[in-house]
Amino acid sequence: MSSWRIKPFLRDHVYAGRSLIFLKEIDSTNRFCLREKELLECPGLVVRAQKQSAGIGRMGRRWEQGEGNHLFSSFILRPPPRMERIPTMTLLCGLALLRTIKGLGLNNRVSIKWPNDILLNGKKVSGILCQSTTVDKNKKIIVAGIGVNVGGNANQFSNELINKATTLEEQGITITPGKLLEHIAVQLERIMQDVSKGHLSKLLDEWVQNSMCLGKTIIFHENDRKLRGIITSIDEYGRLIVRDIYGAFHLVESGEINYHYD
């Protein structure tokens, strides 16, 4: 018998936050969703944990939990067929989070760093990890993990992160993880509704307007080559469009990139 229970959350929602599972502690909310296969049949479900013992970030890195009261959550999303690519969903989840934090009163201090970081005053306050799987052989499901540093300050993190990370509380915002999750679900629901109405390009334009990375020089890898170029935009699949030093354009979808501030 399962030790968890699905409860109603935001009953009028269709895509994000219609129902909720709350866990005291889990290794990772994303892993939990992917393990419990029956949950993948519950689009609109969000899983929240009070603690994570083995949270995961991009490129398989460990998501550092910190010692404060933070948000650890995963949304089970069923996107329209043309929206099944993970980079696009990552950008849209980031946009939902950006809108949420702006709404808390940090409008002029928040920006997006491709592909999955929200920055406050140039410091990372959250991370997003989207993973895909299928149900019934052809239905694509996206499990969108969203973690936000809510309480305390950067001193709770390791020496590696102390100068790179921040929290909402450190930036002057007091909110509970549960209430923050509700705000995120509202914004994600609105975005998914807009996607279903064919407004993707408008959403991606909003993402671009709030990005700190356009015009920045990066080092990236392509076919085992290390290249240098300037980010000019993103395409409809959430890939970076980069112009190299010779004027050629490249699409960067995944892998490690390094930003260079000249």
C-alpha atoms as a PDB file:
ATOM      1  CA  MET A   1       0.000   0.000   0.000  1.00  0.00           C
ATOM      2  CA  SER A   2       1.319   3.442  -0.933  1.00  0.00           C
ATOM      3  CA  SER A   3       2.373   5.756   1.899  1.00  0.00           C
ATOM      4  CA  TRP A   4       1.374   8.831  -0.088  1.00  0.00           C
ATOM      5  CA  ARG A   5      -2.025  10.235  -0.970  1.00  0.00           C
ATOM      6  CA  ILE A   6      -3.193  12.443  -3.840  1.00  0.00           C
ATOM      7  CA  LYS A   7      -5.181  15.447  -2.638  1.00  0.00           C
ATOM      8  CA  PRO A   8      -7.017  18.181  -4.551  1.00  0.00           C
ATOM      9  CA  PHE A   9      -4.953  21.343  -4.920  1.00  0.00           C
ATOM     10  CA  LEU A  10      -6.086  23.964  -7.453  1.00  0.00           C
ATOM     11  CA  ARG A  11      -9.299  22.316  -8.629  1.00  0.00           C
ATOM     12  CA  ASP A  12      -9.945  24.588 -11.602  1.00  0.00           C
ATOM     13  CA  HIS A  13      -6.548  23.831 -13.166  1.00  0.00           C
ATOM     14  CA  VAL A  14      -6.089  21.438 -16.072  1.00  0.00           C
ATOM     15  CA  TYR A  15      -2.343  21.369 -16.758  1.00  0.00           C
ATOM     16  CA  ALA A  16      -0.468  22.274 -13.561  1.00  0.00           C
ATOM     17  CA  GLY A  17      -1.350  21.870  -9.904  1.00  0.00           C
ATOM     18  CA  ARG A  18      -4.803  20.335 -10.157  1.00  0.00           C
ATOM     19  CA  SER A  19      -3.811  17.811  -7.478  1.00  0.00           C
ATOM     20  CA  LEU A  20      -0.963  17.454  -4.973  1.00  0.00           C
ATOM     21  CA  ILE A  21       1.137  14.860  -3.190  1.00  0.00           C
ATOM     22  CA  PHE A  22       3.095  16.134  -0.179  1.00  0.00           C
ATOM     23  CA  LEU A  23       6.037  14.088   1.090  1.00  0.00           C
ATOM     24  CA  LYS A  24       8.032  14.654   4.255  1.00  0.00           C
ATOM     25  CA  GLU A  25      11.269  13.413   2.671  1.00  0.00           C
ATOM     26  CA  ILE A  26      12.257  11.745  -0.593  1.00  0.00           C
ATOM     27  CA  ASP A  27      15.433  11.181  -2.561  1.00  0.00           C
ATOM     28  CA  SER A  28      14.182  13.326  -5.453  1.00  0.00           C
ATOM     29  CA  THR A  29      10.703  14.455  -6.469  1.00  0.00           C
ATOM     30  CA  ASN A  30      11.552  13.764 -10.122  1.00  0.00           C
ATOM     31  CA  ARG A  31      12.785  10.261  -9.344  1.00  0.00           C
ATOM     32  CA  PHE A  32       9.686   9.632  -7.256  1.00  0.00           C
ATOM     33  CA  CYS A  33       7.378  10.597 -10.155  1.00  0.00           C
ATOM     34  CA  LEU A  34       9.294   8.485 -12.666  1.00  0.00           C
ATOM     35  CA  ARG A  35       9.348   5.498 -10.264  1.00  0.00           C
ATOM     36  CA  GLU A  36       5.653   5.572  -9.411  1.00  0.00           C
ATOM     37  CA  LYS A  37       4.376   4.893 -12.902  1.00  0.00           C
ATOM     38  CA  GLU A  38       0.699   5.336 -12.029  1.00  0.00           C
ATOM     39  CA  LEU A  39       1.381   8.986 -11.225  1.00  0.00           C
ATOM     40  CA  LEU A  40       2.328   9.609 -14.838  1.00  0.00           C
ATOM     41  CA  GLU A  41      -1.325   9.016 -15.692  1.00  0.00           C
ATOM     42  CA  CYS A  42      -2.227  12.058 -13.567  1.00  0.00           C
ATOM     43  CA  PRO A  43      -1.508  15.149 -15.659  1.00  0.00           C
ATOM     44  CA  GLY A  44      -1.917  18.254 -13.548  1.00  0.00           C
ATOM     45  CA  LEU A  45      -0.389  16.545 -10.508  1.00  0.00           C
ATOM     46  CA  VAL A  46       2.400  18.254  -8.588  1.00  0.00           C
ATOM     47  CA  VAL A  47       4.598  16.530  -6.001  1.00  0.00           C
ATOM     48  CA  ARG A  48       6.182  18.560  -3.219  1.00  0.00           C
ATOM     49  CA  ALA A  49       8.707  17.341  -0.653  1.00  0.00           C
ATOM     50  CA  GLN A  50       9.738  19.029   2.555  1.00  0.00           C
ATOM     51  CA  LYS A  51      13.234  17.579   2.135  1.00  0.00           C
ATOM     52  CA  GLN A  52      15.245  15.923  -0.636  1.00  0.00           C
ATOM     53  CA  SER A  53      18.178  13.660   0.116  1.00  0.00           C
ATOM     54  CA  ALA A  54      19.444  13.263  -3.455  1.00  0.00           C
ATOM     55  CA  GLY A  55      18.072  16.024  -5.628  1.00  0.00           C
ATOM     56  CA  ILE A  56      19.356  16.099  -9.186  1.00  0.00           C
ATOM     57  CA  GLY A  57      20.231  19.010 -11.416  1.00  0.00           C
ATOM     58  CA  ARG A  58      21.271  19.495 -15.014  1.00  0.00           C
ATOM     59  CA  MET A  59      23.979  17.227 -16.487  1.00  0.00           C
ATOM     60  CA  GLY A  60      23.360  14.752 -13.645  1.00  0.00           C
ATOM     61  CA  ARG A  61      24.757  17.081 -11.007  1.00  0.00           C
ATOM     62  CA  ARG A  62      23.565  16.930  -7.426  1.00  0.00           C
ATOM     63  CA  TRP A  63      21.132  19.652  -6.393  1.00  0.00           C
ATOM     64  CA  GLU A  64      22.419  21.043  -3.104  1.00  0.00           C
ATOM     65  CA  GLN A  65      19.614  21.136  -0.565  1.00  0.00           C
ATOM     66  CA  GLY A  66      20.916  23.729   1.869  1.00  0.00           C
ATOM     67  CA  GLU A  67      19.728  24.030   5.446  1.00  0.00           C
ATOM     68  CA  GLY A  68      16.805  26.396   4.968  1.00  0.00           C
ATOM     69  CA  ASN A  69      13.141  25.797   4.292  1.00  0.00           C
ATOM     70  CA  HIS A  70      13.152  25.451   0.499  1.00  0.00           C
ATOM     71  CA  LEU A  71      10.816  24.352  -2.279  1.00  0.00           C
ATOM     72  CA  PHE A  72      11.358  20.928  -3.865  1.00  0.00           C
ATOM     73  CA  SER A  73       8.673  20.053  -6.404  1.00  0.00           C
ATOM     74  CA  SER A  74       7.879  18.237  -9.649  1.00  0.00           C
ATOM     75  CA  PHE A  75       4.996  18.903 -12.026  1.00  0.00           C
ATOM     76  CA  ILE A  76       3.645  16.122 -14.259  1.00  0.00           C
ATOM     77  CA  LEU A  77       2.839  17.795 -17.564  1.00  0.00           C
ATOM     78  CA  ARG A  78       1.283  16.446 -20.730  1.00  0.00           C
ATOM     79  CA  PRO A  79       2.271  18.942 -23.435  1.00  0.00           C
ATOM     80  CA  PRO A  80       0.750  19.189 -26.919  1.00  0.00           C
ATOM     81  CA  PRO A  81       2.605  17.003 -29.487  1.00  0.00           C
ATOM     82  CA  ARG A  82       4.765  19.780 -30.953  1.00  0.00           C
ATOM     83  CA  MET A  83       5.756  20.873 -27.451  1.00  0.00           C
ATOM     84  CA  GLU A  84       7.298  17.600 -26.336  1.00  0.00           C
ATOM     85  CA  ARG A  85      10.921  18.727 -26.645  1.00  0.00           C
ATOM     86  CA  ILE A  86      12.542  19.155 -23.250  1.00  0.00           C
ATOM     87  CA  PRO A  87      14.411  22.428 -24.037  1.00  0.00           C
ATOM     88  CA  THR A  88      11.136  24.189 -24.871  1.00  0.00           C
ATOM     89  CA  MET A  89       9.397  22.925 -21.738  1.00  0.00           C
ATOM     90  CA  THR A  90      12.393  23.939 -19.630  1.00  0.00           C
ATOM     91  CA  LEU A  91      12.176  27.486 -20.968  1.00  0.00           C
ATOM     92  CA  LEU A  92       8.427  27.674 -20.327  1.00  0.00           C
ATOM     93  CA  CYS A  93       8.825  26.413 -16.754  1.00  0.00           C
ATOM     94  CA  GLY A  94      11.538  29.021 -16.276  1.00  0.00           C
ATOM     95  CA  LEU A  95       9.177  31.681 -17.576  1.00  0.00           C
ATOM     96  CA  ALA A  96       6.514  30.595 -15.075  1.00  0.00           C
ATOM     97  CA  LEU A  97       9.026  30.866 -12.257  1.00  0.00           C
ATOM     98  CA  LEU A  98      10.270  34.249 -13.465  1.00  0.00           C
ATOM     99  CA  ARG A  99       6.717  35.604 -13.575  1.00  0.00           C
ATOM    100  CA  THR A 100       6.134  34.278 -10.064  1.00  0.00           C
ATOM    101  CA  ILE A 101       9.209  35.925  -8.580  1.00  0.00           C
ATOM    102  CA  LYS A 102       8.459  39.195 -10.373  1.00  0.00           C
ATOM    103  CA  GLY A 103       5.012  39.089  -8.808  1.00  0.00           C
ATOM    104  CA  LEU A 104       6.583  38.861  -5.350  1.00  0.00           C
ATOM    105  CA  GLY A 105       8.073  42.323  -5.813  1.00  0.00           C
ATOM    106  CA  LEU A 106      11.459  41.581  -7.389  1.00  0.00           C
ATOM    107  CA  ASN A 107      10.538  42.798 -10.864  1.00  0.00           C
ATOM    108  CA  ASN A 108      13.749  44.682 -11.626  1.00  0.00           C
ATOM    109  CA  ARG A 109      16.194  42.192 -10.141  1.00  0.00           C
ATOM    110  CA  VAL A 110      15.248  38.890 -11.763  1.00  0.00           C
ATOM    111  CA  SER A 111      16.473  37.399 -15.043  1.00  0.00           C
ATOM    112  CA  ILE A 112      16.734  34.036 -16.827  1.00  0.00           C
ATOM    113  CA  LYS A 113      19.991  32.303 -17.693  1.00  0.00           C
ATOM    114  CA  TRP A 114      19.675  29.631 -20.387  1.00  0.00           C
ATOM    115  CA  PRO A 115      18.625  26.943 -20.033  1.00  0.00           C
ATOM    116  CA  ASN A 116      17.300  26.498 -16.520  1.00  0.00           C
ATOM    117  CA  ASP A 117      18.439  29.102 -13.982  1.00  0.00           C
ATOM    118  CA  ILE A 118      16.575  32.029 -12.455  1.00  0.00           C
ATOM    119  CA  LEU A 119      18.932  34.735 -11.187  1.00  0.00           C
ATOM    120  CA  LEU A 120      18.305  37.405  -8.573  1.00  0.00           C
ATOM    121  CA  ASN A 121      20.850  40.200  -8.677  1.00  0.00           C
ATOM    122  CA  GLY A 122      23.013  37.863 -10.751  1.00  0.00           C
ATOM    123  CA  LYS A 123      22.882  34.988  -8.243  1.00  0.00           C
ATOM    124  CA  LYS A 124      21.107  31.659  -8.710  1.00  0.00           C
ATOM    125  CA  VAL A 125      17.920  31.260  -6.713  1.00  0.00           C
ATOM    126  CA  SER A 126      16.451  28.200  -8.427  1.00  0.00           C
ATOM    127  CA  GLY A 127      16.938  25.369 -10.858  1.00  0.00           C
ATOM    128  CA  ILE A 128      14.710  23.462 -13.261  1.00  0.00           C
ATOM    129  CA  LEU A 129      15.145  19.917 -14.561  1.00  0.00           C
ATOM    130  CA  CYS A 130      12.711  18.524 -17.139  1.00  0.00           C
ATOM    131  CA  GLN A 131      12.774  14.792 -17.874  1.00  0.00           C
ATOM    132  CA  SER A 132      10.576  12.961 -20.371  1.00  0.00           C
ATOM    133  CA  THR A 133       9.004   9.530 -20.501  1.00  0.00           C
ATOM    134  CA  THR A 134       6.085   7.892 -22.284  1.00  0.00           C
ATOM    135  CA  VAL A 135       2.876   6.202 -21.174  1.00  0.00           C
ATOM    136  CA  ASP A 136       0.636   4.004 -23.318  1.00  0.00           C
ATOM    137  CA  LYS A 137       3.531   3.740 -25.805  1.00  0.00           C
ATOM    138  CA  ASN A 138       2.915   7.077 -27.478  1.00  0.00           C
ATOM    139  CA  LYS A 139       1.878   9.663 -24.884  1.00  0.00           C
ATOM    140  CA  LYS A 140       4.829  11.846 -23.936  1.00  0.00           C
ATOM    141  CA  ILE A 141       4.955  13.039 -20.329  1.00  0.00           C
ATOM    142  CA  ILE A 142       7.282  15.732 -18.990  1.00  0.00           C
ATOM    143  CA  VAL A 143       8.275  15.638 -15.335  1.00  0.00           C
ATOM    144  CA  ALA A 144       9.322  19.194 -14.549  1.00  0.00           C
ATOM    145  CA  GLY A 145      11.377  19.491 -11.380  1.00  0.00           C
ATOM    146  CA  ILE A 146      11.449  22.995  -9.898  1.00  0.00           C
ATOM    147  CA  GLY A 147      13.596  23.817  -6.884  1.00  0.00           C
ATOM    148  CA  VAL A 148      13.761  27.251  -5.260  1.00  0.00           C
ATOM    149  CA  ASN A 149      15.992  28.523  -2.464  1.00  0.00           C
ATOM    150  CA  VAL A 150      13.408  30.079  -0.154  1.00  0.00           C
ATOM    151  CA  GLY A 151      14.677  30.554   3.405  1.00  0.00           C
ATOM    152  CA  GLY A 152      17.915  31.643   5.078  1.00  0.00           C
ATOM    153  CA  ASN A 153      20.857  33.094   3.190  1.00  0.00           C
ATOM    154  CA  ALA A 154      23.738  31.921   1.034  1.00  0.00           C
ATOM    155  CA  ASN A 155      25.868  30.986   4.057  1.00  0.00           C
ATOM    156  CA  GLN A 156      23.959  27.692   4.326  1.00  0.00           C
ATOM    157  CA  PHE A 157      25.471  26.451   1.052  1.00  0.00           C
ATOM    158  CA  SER A 158      28.898  24.981   0.298  1.00  0.00           C
ATOM    159  CA  ASN A 159      31.937  27.155  -0.368  1.00  0.00           C
ATOM    160  CA  GLU A 160      31.506  26.422  -4.063  1.00  0.00           C
ATOM    161  CA  LEU A 161      28.057  28.017  -4.107  1.00  0.00           C
ATOM    162  CA  ILE A 162      28.197  30.635  -1.388  1.00  0.00           C
ATOM    163  CA  ASN A 163      29.088  33.429  -3.819  1.00  0.00           C
ATOM    164  CA  LYS A 164      26.876  32.136  -6.633  1.00  0.00           C
ATOM    165  CA  ALA A 165      23.605  31.354  -4.858  1.00  0.00           C
ATOM    166  CA  THR A 166      20.987  33.376  -3.033  1.00  0.00           C
ATOM    167  CA  THR A 167      17.550  32.869  -1.467  1.00  0.00           C
ATOM    168  CA  LEU A 168      14.258  34.701  -1.624  1.00  0.00           C
ATOM    169  CA  GLU A 169      14.610  35.611   2.043  1.00  0.00           C
ATOM    170  CA  GLU A 170      18.086  37.053   1.451  1.00  0.00           C
ATOM    171  CA  GLN A 171      16.544  39.232  -1.274  1.00  0.00           C
ATOM    172  CA  GLY A 172      13.836  40.523   1.069  1.00  0.00           C
ATOM    173  CA  ILE A 173      10.951  38.159   0.244  1.00  0.00           C
ATOM    174  CA  THR A 174       9.247  36.163   2.999  1.00  0.00           C
ATOM    175  CA  ILE A 175       7.033  33.339   1.740  1.00  0.00           C
ATOM    176  CA  THR A 176       6.403  29.695   2.586  1.00  0.00           C
ATOM    177  CA  PRO A 177       7.356  26.964   0.089  1.00  0.00           C
ATOM    178  CA  GLY A 178       3.706  25.887  -0.065  1.00  0.00           C
ATOM    179  CA  LYS A 179       2.461  29.337  -0.986  1.00  0.00           C
ATOM    180  CA  LEU A 180       5.281  29.769  -3.497  1.00  0.00           C
ATOM    181  CA  LEU A 181       4.276  26.480  -5.144  1.00  0.00           C
ATOM    182  CA  GLU A 182       0.722  27.748  -5.509  1.00  0.00           C
ATOM    183  CA  HIS A 183       1.932  30.917  -7.265  1.00  0.00           C
ATOM    184  CA  ILE A 184       4.148  28.887  -9.621  1.00  0.00           C
ATOM    185  CA  ALA A 185       1.275  26.531 -10.465  1.00  0.00           C
ATOM    186  CA  VAL A 186      -0.942  29.491 -11.354  1.00  0.00           C
ATOM    187  CA  GLN A 187       1.642  30.899 -13.758  1.00  0.00           C
ATOM    188  CA  LEU A 188       2.465  27.501 -15.276  1.00  0.00           C
ATOM    189  CA  GLU A 189      -1.231  26.824 -15.832  1.00  0.00           C
ATOM    190  CA  ARG A 190      -1.600  30.137 -17.685  1.00  0.00           C
ATOM    191  CA  ILE A 191       1.423  29.403 -19.829  1.00  0.00           C
ATOM    192  CA  MET A 192       0.240  25.897 -20.733  1.00  0.00           C
ATOM    193  CA  GLN A 193      -3.172  27.301 -21.634  1.00  0.00           C
ATOM    194  CA  ASP A 194      -1.484  29.835 -23.938  1.00  0.00           C
ATOM    195  CA  VAL A 195       0.539  27.022 -25.513  1.00  0.00           C
ATOM    196  CA  SER A 196      -2.651  25.061 -26.200  1.00  0.00           C
ATOM    197  CA  LYS A 197      -4.063  28.161 -27.942  1.00  0.00           C
ATOM    198  CA  GLY A 198      -1.023  28.426 -30.229  1.00  0.00           C
ATOM    199  CA  HIS A 199       0.719  31.349 -28.511  1.00  0.00           C
ATOM    200  CA  LEU A 200       4.156  29.748 -28.195  1.00  0.00           C
ATOM    201  CA  SER A 201       6.040  32.433 -30.141  1.00  0.00           C
ATOM    202  CA  LYS A 202       4.660  35.143 -27.865  1.00  0.00           C
ATOM    203  CA  LEU A 203       5.816  33.211 -24.790  1.00  0.00           C
ATOM    204  CA  LEU A 204       9.292  32.698 -26.221  1.00  0.00           C
ATOM    205  CA  ASP A 205       9.505  36.423 -27.011  1.00  0.00           C
ATOM    206  CA  GLU A 206       8.747  37.106 -23.348  1.00  0.00           C
ATOM    207  CA  TRP A 207      11.507  34.695 -22.361  1.00  0.00           C
ATOM    208  CA  VAL A 208      13.985  36.483 -24.639  1.00  0.00           C
ATOM    209  CA  GLN A 209      13.055  39.880 -23.201  1.00  0.00           C
ATOM    210  CA  ASN A 210      13.885  38.629 -19.698  1.00  0.00           C
ATOM    211  CA  SER A 211      17.074  36.753 -20.565  1.00  0.00           C
ATOM    212  CA  MET A 212      20.498  37.865 -19.400  1.00  0.00           C
ATOM    213  CA  CYS A 213      22.325  35.736 -21.935  1.00  0.00           C
ATOM    214  CA  LEU A 214      21.510  37.361 -25.267  1.00  0.00           C
ATOM    215  CA  GLY A 215      24.529  39.157 -26.673  1.00  0.00           C
ATOM    216  CA  LYS A 216      26.870  37.237 -24.363  1.00  0.00           C
ATOM    217  CA  THR A 217      29.930  35.399 -25.619  1.00  0.00           C
ATOM    218  CA  ILE A 218      30.053  31.682 -24.864  1.00  0.00           C
ATOM    219  CA  ILE A 219      32.317  28.718 -25.441  1.00  0.00           C
ATOM    220  CA  PHE A 220      30.402  25.641 -26.616  1.00  0.00           C
ATOM    221  CA  HIS A 221      31.107  22.235 -28.114  1.00  0.00           C
ATOM    222  CA  GLU A 222      29.953  20.917 -31.486  1.00  0.00           C
ATOM    223  CA  ASN A 223      31.098  17.633 -33.036  1.00  0.00           C
ATOM    224  CA  ASP A 224      34.009  17.400 -30.586  1.00  0.00           C
ATOM    225  CA  ARG A 225      35.098  20.927 -31.499  1.00  0.00           C
ATOM    226  CA  LYS A 226      35.283  23.812 -29.051  1.00  0.00           C
ATOM    227  CA  LEU A 227      33.782  26.948 -30.580  1.00  0.00           C
ATOM    228  CA  ARG A 228      33.320  30.545 -29.493  1.00  0.00           C
ATOM    229  CA  GLY A 229      30.333  32.648 -30.430  1.00  0.00           C
ATOM    230  CA  ILE A 230      27.722  35.220 -29.433  1.00  0.00           C
ATOM    231  CA  ILE A 231      24.173  34.279 -28.432  1.00  0.00           C
ATOM    232  CA  THR A 232      21.745  36.029 -30.779  1.00  0.00           C
ATOM    233  CA  SER A 233      18.386  34.446 -29.864  1.00  0.00           C
ATOM    234  CA  ILE A 234      16.550  31.159 -29.274  1.00  0.00           C
ATOM    235  CA  ASP A 235      14.471  29.115 -31.702  1.00  0.00           C
ATOM    236  CA  GLU A 236      11.008  27.574 -31.237  1.00  0.00           C
ATOM    237  CA  TYR A 237      12.551  24.431 -29.749  1.00  0.00           C
ATOM    238  CA  GLY A 238      14.345  26.327 -26.994  1.00  0.00           C
ATOM    239  CA  ARG A 239      17.787  26.025 -28.593  1.00  0.00           C
ATOM    240  CA  LEU A 240      20.322  28.828 -28.476  1.00  0.00           C
ATOM    241  CA  ILE A 241      21.133  30.484 -31.784  1.00  0.00           C
ATOM    242  CA  VAL A 242      24.840  31.338 -31.695  1.00  0.00           C
ATOM    243  CA  ARG A 243      26.907  33.260 -34.257  1.00  0.00           C
ATOM    244  CA  ASP A 244      30.557  32.212 -34.305  1.00  0.00           C
ATOM    245  CA  ILE A 245      33.543  34.448 -35.037  1.00  0.00           C
ATOM    246  CA  TYR A 246      33.291  33.634 -38.758  1.00  0.00           C
ATOM    247  CA  GLY A 247      29.630  34.665 -38.987  1.00  0.00           C
ATOM    248  CA  ALA A 248      28.199  31.133 -39.175  1.00  0.00           C
ATOM    249  CA  PHE A 249      25.163  30.277 -37.051  1.00  0.00           C
ATOM    250  CA  HIS A 250      24.885  27.241 -34.771  1.00  0.00           C
ATOM    251  CA  LEU A 251      22.041  25.712 -32.736  1.00  0.00           C
ATOM    252  CA  VAL A 252      23.013  24.747 -29.189  1.00  0.00           C
ATOM    253  CA  GLU A 253      20.522  22.410 -27.533  1.00  0.00           C
ATOM    254  CA  SER A 254      22.395  20.723 -24.734  1.00  0.00           C
ATOM    255  CA  GLY A 255      25.806  20.111 -23.285  1.00  0.00           C
ATOM    256  CA  GLU A 256      28.125  22.314 -21.309  1.00  0.00           C
ATOM    257  CA  ILE A 257      28.590  25.974 -22.198  1.00  0.00           C
ATOM    258  CA  ASN A 258      30.801  28.578 -20.569  1.00  0.00           C
ATOM    259  CA  TYR A 259      29.903  32.241 -20.478  1.00  0.00           C
ATOM    260  CA  HIS A 260      32.625  34.807 -21.099  1.00  0.00           C
ATOM    261  CA  TYR A 261      32.058  38.403 -20.109  1.00  0.00           C
ATOM    262  CA  ASP A 262      34.325  40.560 -22.225  1.00  0.00           C
END
